[in-house]
Every structure is written in structure tokens, then in C-alpha cells.
Amino acid sequence: MSIWWSLHLRRDAASVPLARRLLLGTMETAGVDPDVCYDLSVALSEACANAVEHGGDTARGGCSEAYRVTAYLDGEKCRIEVDDSGPGFTAERPAPAPVRMSADAEHGRGLFLIQELADHVHIGNKPGRAGAVVSFDKILKWRKDAPLMAV
């Protein structure tokens, strides 16, 4: 079984729950275990929030209006990519390292949460174009009655 979808979303906080609901609906319909659904939906929300907050092209005085979310459920793995069209990372502005923050911190916990909830995380630049990419994978667990479970 293989399912994939891609969304192009406005850099607006209202787009984050839309992406999360689509991912949850896809995984729940396919029969993915509820705990895995929850973990990936939280990780996706954090990645989208980062794209909304940091994904604009402020270097040119403008503001990119969109970011993209792509989800792949393929066999026993789910891969999610969130990319924006901001300036990306450079030697002067390197990709941030996920670090543990205090539980009441208002900012800075997103990448750490993604790293804790996913099995593999990659943070970098889009190949050949401006913009950052956060991608993460998780091995899927299935409900016993999963209609689309991988065979």
C-alpha cells in the first residue's frame, strides 16, 4: 500500500491545523495505530509552525507566501517533508540543532519534539533552490483491523 499527497499552503497559522487534520485523516483511514498518528501529527504541526514563522524571504525585504507539505505512507514507513521558500541555511545562518528546552518555553522546542517523535530527522536546504526542508520518517504500526495495511 502506498499513499502520498502534497499541499501548497499559505504561510499563515490557520494552515497548520489543516495539514494536521489531513495527515490524521489519511493515517486513521488507512488503519495506522492511533499513537503513531498522534506522534506524526504533532511533529507535522511543529514543522509547519516553523515554516510559517521562519520560512519567509526576509533577505530581499519580501515575504514568501507559501510552504509545501508532502506526506508519503509507503509500506511500513511514513515520510513527511515540509519545505519553505525562505533563505534556507548558510554558513552564517546554519540549520539549528534540536535542543531540549524547558517545558514552559514558548519558542525553540519544535525541532526537539520532531526529533523525539520521529525515527529519523533531516534538516537542510532544498536542492538547487532557496528554502529550508525539514523531513522526518517513522516506522508505522497498524491496527489489527487496518483496511489498507501493508502486506
C-alpha atoms as a PDB file:
ATOM      1  CA  MET A   1       0.000   0.000   0.000  1.00  0.00           C
ATOM      2  CA  SER A   2       1.266   3.409  -0.906  1.00  0.00           C
ATOM      3  CA  ILE A   3      -0.406   6.784  -0.365  1.00  0.00           C
ATOM      4  CA  TRP A   4       1.075  10.227  -0.901  1.00  0.00           C
ATOM      5  CA  TRP A   5      -0.226  13.761  -1.034  1.00  0.00           C
ATOM      6  CA  SER A   6       1.210  17.251  -1.264  1.00  0.00           C
ATOM      7  CA  LEU A   7      -0.244  20.557  -0.107  1.00  0.00           C
ATOM      8  CA  HIS A   8       0.828  24.071  -1.001  1.00  0.00           C
ATOM      9  CA  LEU A   9      -0.229  26.247   1.915  1.00  0.00           C
ATOM     10  CA  ARG A  10      -0.167  29.936   2.765  1.00  0.00           C
ATOM     11  CA  ARG A  11       2.310  30.951   5.451  1.00  0.00           C
ATOM     12  CA  ASP A  12      -0.493  31.547   7.885  1.00  0.00           C
ATOM     13  CA  ALA A  13      -1.057  29.965  11.295  1.00  0.00           C
ATOM     14  CA  ALA A  14      -4.508  28.789  10.138  1.00  0.00           C
ATOM     15  CA  SER A  15      -2.845  26.421   7.639  1.00  0.00           C
ATOM     16  CA  VAL A  16      -1.187  24.321  10.370  1.00  0.00           C
ATOM     17  CA  PRO A  17      -4.351  22.563  11.641  1.00  0.00           C
ATOM     18  CA  LEU A  18      -5.427  21.925   8.033  1.00  0.00           C
ATOM     19  CA  ALA A  19      -2.228  19.961   7.312  1.00  0.00           C
ATOM     20  CA  ARG A  20      -2.502  18.147  10.634  1.00  0.00           C
ATOM     21  CA  ARG A  21      -6.137  17.117  10.039  1.00  0.00           C
ATOM     22  CA  LEU A  22      -5.356  15.836   6.531  1.00  0.00           C
ATOM     23  CA  LEU A  23      -2.471  13.729   7.839  1.00  0.00           C
ATOM     24  CA  LEU A  24      -4.551  12.368  10.726  1.00  0.00           C
ATOM     25  CA  GLY A  25      -7.473  11.561   8.428  1.00  0.00           C
ATOM     26  CA  THR A  26      -5.225   9.769   5.956  1.00  0.00           C
ATOM     27  CA  MET A  27      -3.498   7.679   8.611  1.00  0.00           C
ATOM     28  CA  GLU A  28      -6.678   6.871  10.553  1.00  0.00           C
ATOM     29  CA  THR A  29      -8.495   5.825   7.366  1.00  0.00           C
ATOM     30  CA  ALA A  30      -5.559   3.621   6.348  1.00  0.00           C
ATOM     31  CA  GLY A  31      -5.557   1.973   9.782  1.00  0.00           C
ATOM     32  CA  VAL A  32      -2.365   3.330  11.331  1.00  0.00           C
ATOM     33  CA  ASP A  33      -2.077   2.852  15.101  1.00  0.00           C
ATOM     34  CA  PRO A  34      -3.523   5.883  16.983  1.00  0.00           C
ATOM     35  CA  ASP A  35      -0.302   6.508  18.953  1.00  0.00           C
ATOM     36  CA  VAL A  36       1.725   6.727  15.732  1.00  0.00           C
ATOM     37  CA  CYS A  37      -0.936   9.009  14.214  1.00  0.00           C
ATOM     38  CA  TYR A  38      -0.674  11.318  17.205  1.00  0.00           C
ATOM     39  CA  ASP A  39       3.144  11.418  17.208  1.00  0.00           C
ATOM     40  CA  LEU A  40       3.342  12.236  13.498  1.00  0.00           C
ATOM     41  CA  SER A  41       0.579  14.832  13.688  1.00  0.00           C
ATOM     42  CA  VAL A  42       2.383  16.685  16.496  1.00  0.00           C
ATOM     43  CA  ALA A  43       5.691  16.517  14.582  1.00  0.00           C
ATOM     44  CA  LEU A  44       3.968  17.815  11.440  1.00  0.00           C
ATOM     45  CA  SER A  45       2.371  20.669  13.388  1.00  0.00           C
ATOM     46  CA  GLU A  46       5.777  21.712  14.725  1.00  0.00           C
ATOM     47  CA  ALA A  47       7.395  21.582  11.267  1.00  0.00           C
ATOM     48  CA  CYS A  48       4.542  23.616   9.752  1.00  0.00           C
ATOM     49  CA  ALA A  49       4.719  26.177  12.569  1.00  0.00           C
ATOM     50  CA  ASN A  50       8.437  26.601  11.827  1.00  0.00           C
ATOM     51  CA  ALA A  51       7.723  27.131   8.120  1.00  0.00           C
ATOM     52  CA  VAL A  52       5.045  29.704   8.943  1.00  0.00           C
ATOM     53  CA  GLU A  53       7.273  31.573  11.386  1.00  0.00           C
ATOM     54  CA  HIS A  54      10.672  31.337   9.694  1.00  0.00           C
ATOM     55  CA  GLY A  55      10.008  30.448   6.042  1.00  0.00           C
ATOM     56  CA  GLY A  56       9.760  33.929   4.526  1.00  0.00           C
ATOM     57  CA  ASP A  57      12.307  35.576   2.300  1.00  0.00           C
ATOM     58  CA  THR A  58      13.181  38.449   4.595  1.00  0.00           C
ATOM     59  CA  ALA A  59      16.628  38.881   2.983  1.00  0.00           C
ATOM     60  CA  ARG A  60      15.045  40.586  -0.025  1.00  0.00           C
ATOM     61  CA  GLY A  61      12.649  42.615   2.068  1.00  0.00           C
ATOM     62  CA  GLY A  62       9.715  40.488   0.972  1.00  0.00           C
ATOM     63  CA  CYS A  63       7.761  37.649   2.419  1.00  0.00           C
ATOM     64  CA  SER A  64       7.217  34.308   0.731  1.00  0.00           C
ATOM     65  CA  GLU A  65       3.576  33.461   0.987  1.00  0.00           C
ATOM     66  CA  ALA A  66       3.673  29.670   0.742  1.00  0.00           C
ATOM     67  CA  TYR A  67       5.189  26.467   2.006  1.00  0.00           C
ATOM     68  CA  ARG A  68       4.678  22.847   0.992  1.00  0.00           C
ATOM     69  CA  VAL A  69       3.849  19.709   2.959  1.00  0.00           C
ATOM     70  CA  THR A  70       4.269  16.271   1.390  1.00  0.00           C
ATOM     71  CA  ALA A  71       3.407  13.020   3.134  1.00  0.00           C
ATOM     72  CA  TYR A  72       4.237   9.503   1.945  1.00  0.00           C
ATOM     73  CA  LEU A  73       2.816   6.371   3.538  1.00  0.00           C
ATOM     74  CA  ASP A  74       4.703   3.626   1.782  1.00  0.00           C
ATOM     75  CA  GLY A  75       4.823   0.095   3.091  1.00  0.00           C
ATOM     76  CA  GLU A  76       5.828   0.191   6.727  1.00  0.00           C
ATOM     77  CA  LYS A  77       7.090   3.799   6.814  1.00  0.00           C
ATOM     78  CA  CYS A  78       5.684   7.315   6.750  1.00  0.00           C
ATOM     79  CA  ARG A  79       7.874  10.142   5.472  1.00  0.00           C
ATOM     80  CA  ILE A  80       6.864  13.780   5.850  1.00  0.00           C
ATOM     81  CA  GLU A  81       8.588  16.774   4.263  1.00  0.00           C
ATOM     82  CA  VAL A  82       7.879  20.420   4.973  1.00  0.00           C
ATOM     83  CA  ASP A  83       9.687  22.922   2.782  1.00  0.00           C
ATOM     84  CA  ASP A  84       9.529  26.675   2.558  1.00  0.00           C
ATOM     85  CA  SER A  85      10.887  29.289   0.176  1.00  0.00           C
ATOM     86  CA  GLY A  86      12.771  31.358   2.717  1.00  0.00           C
ATOM     87  CA  PRO A  87      16.512  31.967   2.629  1.00  0.00           C
ATOM     88  CA  GLY A  88      17.420  28.464   3.821  1.00  0.00           C
ATOM     89  CA  PHE A  89      20.593  27.815   5.780  1.00  0.00           C
ATOM     90  CA  THR A  90      24.083  29.192   5.157  1.00  0.00           C
ATOM     91  CA  ALA A  91      27.425  29.206   6.946  1.00  0.00           C
ATOM     92  CA  GLU A  92      26.333  32.446   8.620  1.00  0.00           C
ATOM     93  CA  ARG A  93      22.872  31.065   9.381  1.00  0.00           C
ATOM     94  CA  PRO A  94      23.281  27.288   9.948  1.00  0.00           C
ATOM     95  CA  ALA A  95      20.457  24.821  10.490  1.00  0.00           C
ATOM     96  CA  PRO A  96      19.559  24.830  14.178  1.00  0.00           C
ATOM     97  CA  ALA A  97      20.387  21.809  16.274  1.00  0.00           C
ATOM     98  CA  PRO A  98      17.392  20.305  18.072  1.00  0.00           C
ATOM     99  CA  VAL A  99      17.945  21.007  21.768  1.00  0.00           C
ATOM    100  CA  ARG A 100      15.871  20.192  24.832  1.00  0.00           C
ATOM    101  CA  MET A 101      14.042  23.252  26.140  1.00  0.00           C
ATOM    102  CA  SER A 102      12.181  23.715  29.387  1.00  0.00           C
ATOM    103  CA  ALA A 103       8.571  22.523  29.345  1.00  0.00           C
ATOM    104  CA  ASP A 104       7.236  26.064  29.673  1.00  0.00           C
ATOM    105  CA  ALA A 105       9.391  27.561  26.887  1.00  0.00           C
ATOM    106  CA  GLU A 106       7.312  29.468  24.328  1.00  0.00           C
ATOM    107  CA  HIS A 107       9.778  29.002  21.432  1.00  0.00           C
ATOM    108  CA  GLY A 108      12.562  26.670  20.381  1.00  0.00           C
ATOM    109  CA  ARG A 109      11.029  23.286  21.219  1.00  0.00           C
ATOM    110  CA  GLY A 110       9.745  22.313  17.765  1.00  0.00           C
ATOM    111  CA  LEU A 111      12.807  20.614  16.301  1.00  0.00           C
ATOM    112  CA  PHE A 112      13.463  18.802  19.566  1.00  0.00           C
ATOM    113  CA  LEU A 113       9.879  17.481  19.606  1.00  0.00           C
ATOM    114  CA  ILE A 114      10.140  16.351  15.979  1.00  0.00           C
ATOM    115  CA  GLN A 115      13.370  14.521  16.777  1.00  0.00           C
ATOM    116  CA  GLU A 116      11.778  12.812  19.794  1.00  0.00           C
ATOM    117  CA  LEU A 117       8.614  11.767  17.938  1.00  0.00           C
ATOM    118  CA  ALA A 118      10.150  10.561  14.655  1.00  0.00           C
ATOM    119  CA  ASP A 119      12.642   7.796  13.919  1.00  0.00           C
ATOM    120  CA  HIS A 120      14.848   9.839  11.562  1.00  0.00           C
ATOM    121  CA  VAL A 121      15.010  13.621  11.045  1.00  0.00           C
ATOM    122  CA  HIS A 122      16.833  15.682   8.405  1.00  0.00           C
ATOM    123  CA  ILE A 123      17.059  19.480   8.412  1.00  0.00           C
ATOM    124  CA  GLY A 124      18.658  21.205   5.441  1.00  0.00           C
ATOM    125  CA  ASN A 125      18.219  23.217   2.269  1.00  0.00           C
ATOM    126  CA  LYS A 126      16.126  22.417  -0.787  1.00  0.00           C
ATOM    127  CA  PRO A 127      18.414  21.081  -3.516  1.00  0.00           C
ATOM    128  CA  GLY A 128      19.186  23.755  -6.100  1.00  0.00           C
ATOM    129  CA  ARG A 129      16.734  26.345  -4.743  1.00  0.00           C
ATOM    130  CA  ALA A 130      16.341  28.688  -1.813  1.00  0.00           C
ATOM    131  CA  GLY A 131      14.439  27.389   1.146  1.00  0.00           C
ATOM    132  CA  ALA A 132      14.676  25.034   4.076  1.00  0.00           C
ATOM    133  CA  VAL A 133      13.413  21.442   4.298  1.00  0.00           C
ATOM    134  CA  VAL A 134      12.517  19.518   7.422  1.00  0.00           C
ATOM    135  CA  SER A 135      11.878  15.848   6.700  1.00  0.00           C
ATOM    136  CA  PHE A 136      11.194  13.025   9.094  1.00  0.00           C
ATOM    137  CA  ASP A 137      10.325   9.325   8.968  1.00  0.00           C
ATOM    138  CA  LYS A 138       8.556   6.962  11.306  1.00  0.00           C
ATOM    139  CA  ILE A 139       8.023   3.210  11.126  1.00  0.00           C
ATOM    140  CA  LEU A 140       4.281   2.556  11.061  1.00  0.00           C
ATOM    141  CA  LYS A 141       2.328   0.304  13.374  1.00  0.00           C
ATOM    142  CA  TRP A 142      -1.097  -0.823  12.229  1.00  0.00           C
ATOM    143  CA  ARG A 143      -4.410  -1.524  13.897  1.00  0.00           C
ATOM    144  CA  LYS A 144      -5.488  -5.172  13.646  1.00  0.00           C
ATOM    145  CA  ASP A 145      -8.486  -4.138  11.533  1.00  0.00           C
ATOM    146  CA  ALA A 146      -6.489  -1.816   9.252  1.00  0.00           C
ATOM    147  CA  PRO A 147      -8.194  -1.711   5.835  1.00  0.00           C
ATOM    148  CA  LEU A 148      -5.073  -0.570   3.948  1.00  0.00           C
ATOM    149  CA  MET A 149      -2.358  -2.275   5.980  1.00  0.00           C
ATOM    150  CA  ALA A 150       0.814  -3.006   4.061  1.00  0.00           C
ATOM    151  CA  VAL A 151       1.087  -6.615   3.009  1.00  0.00           C
END
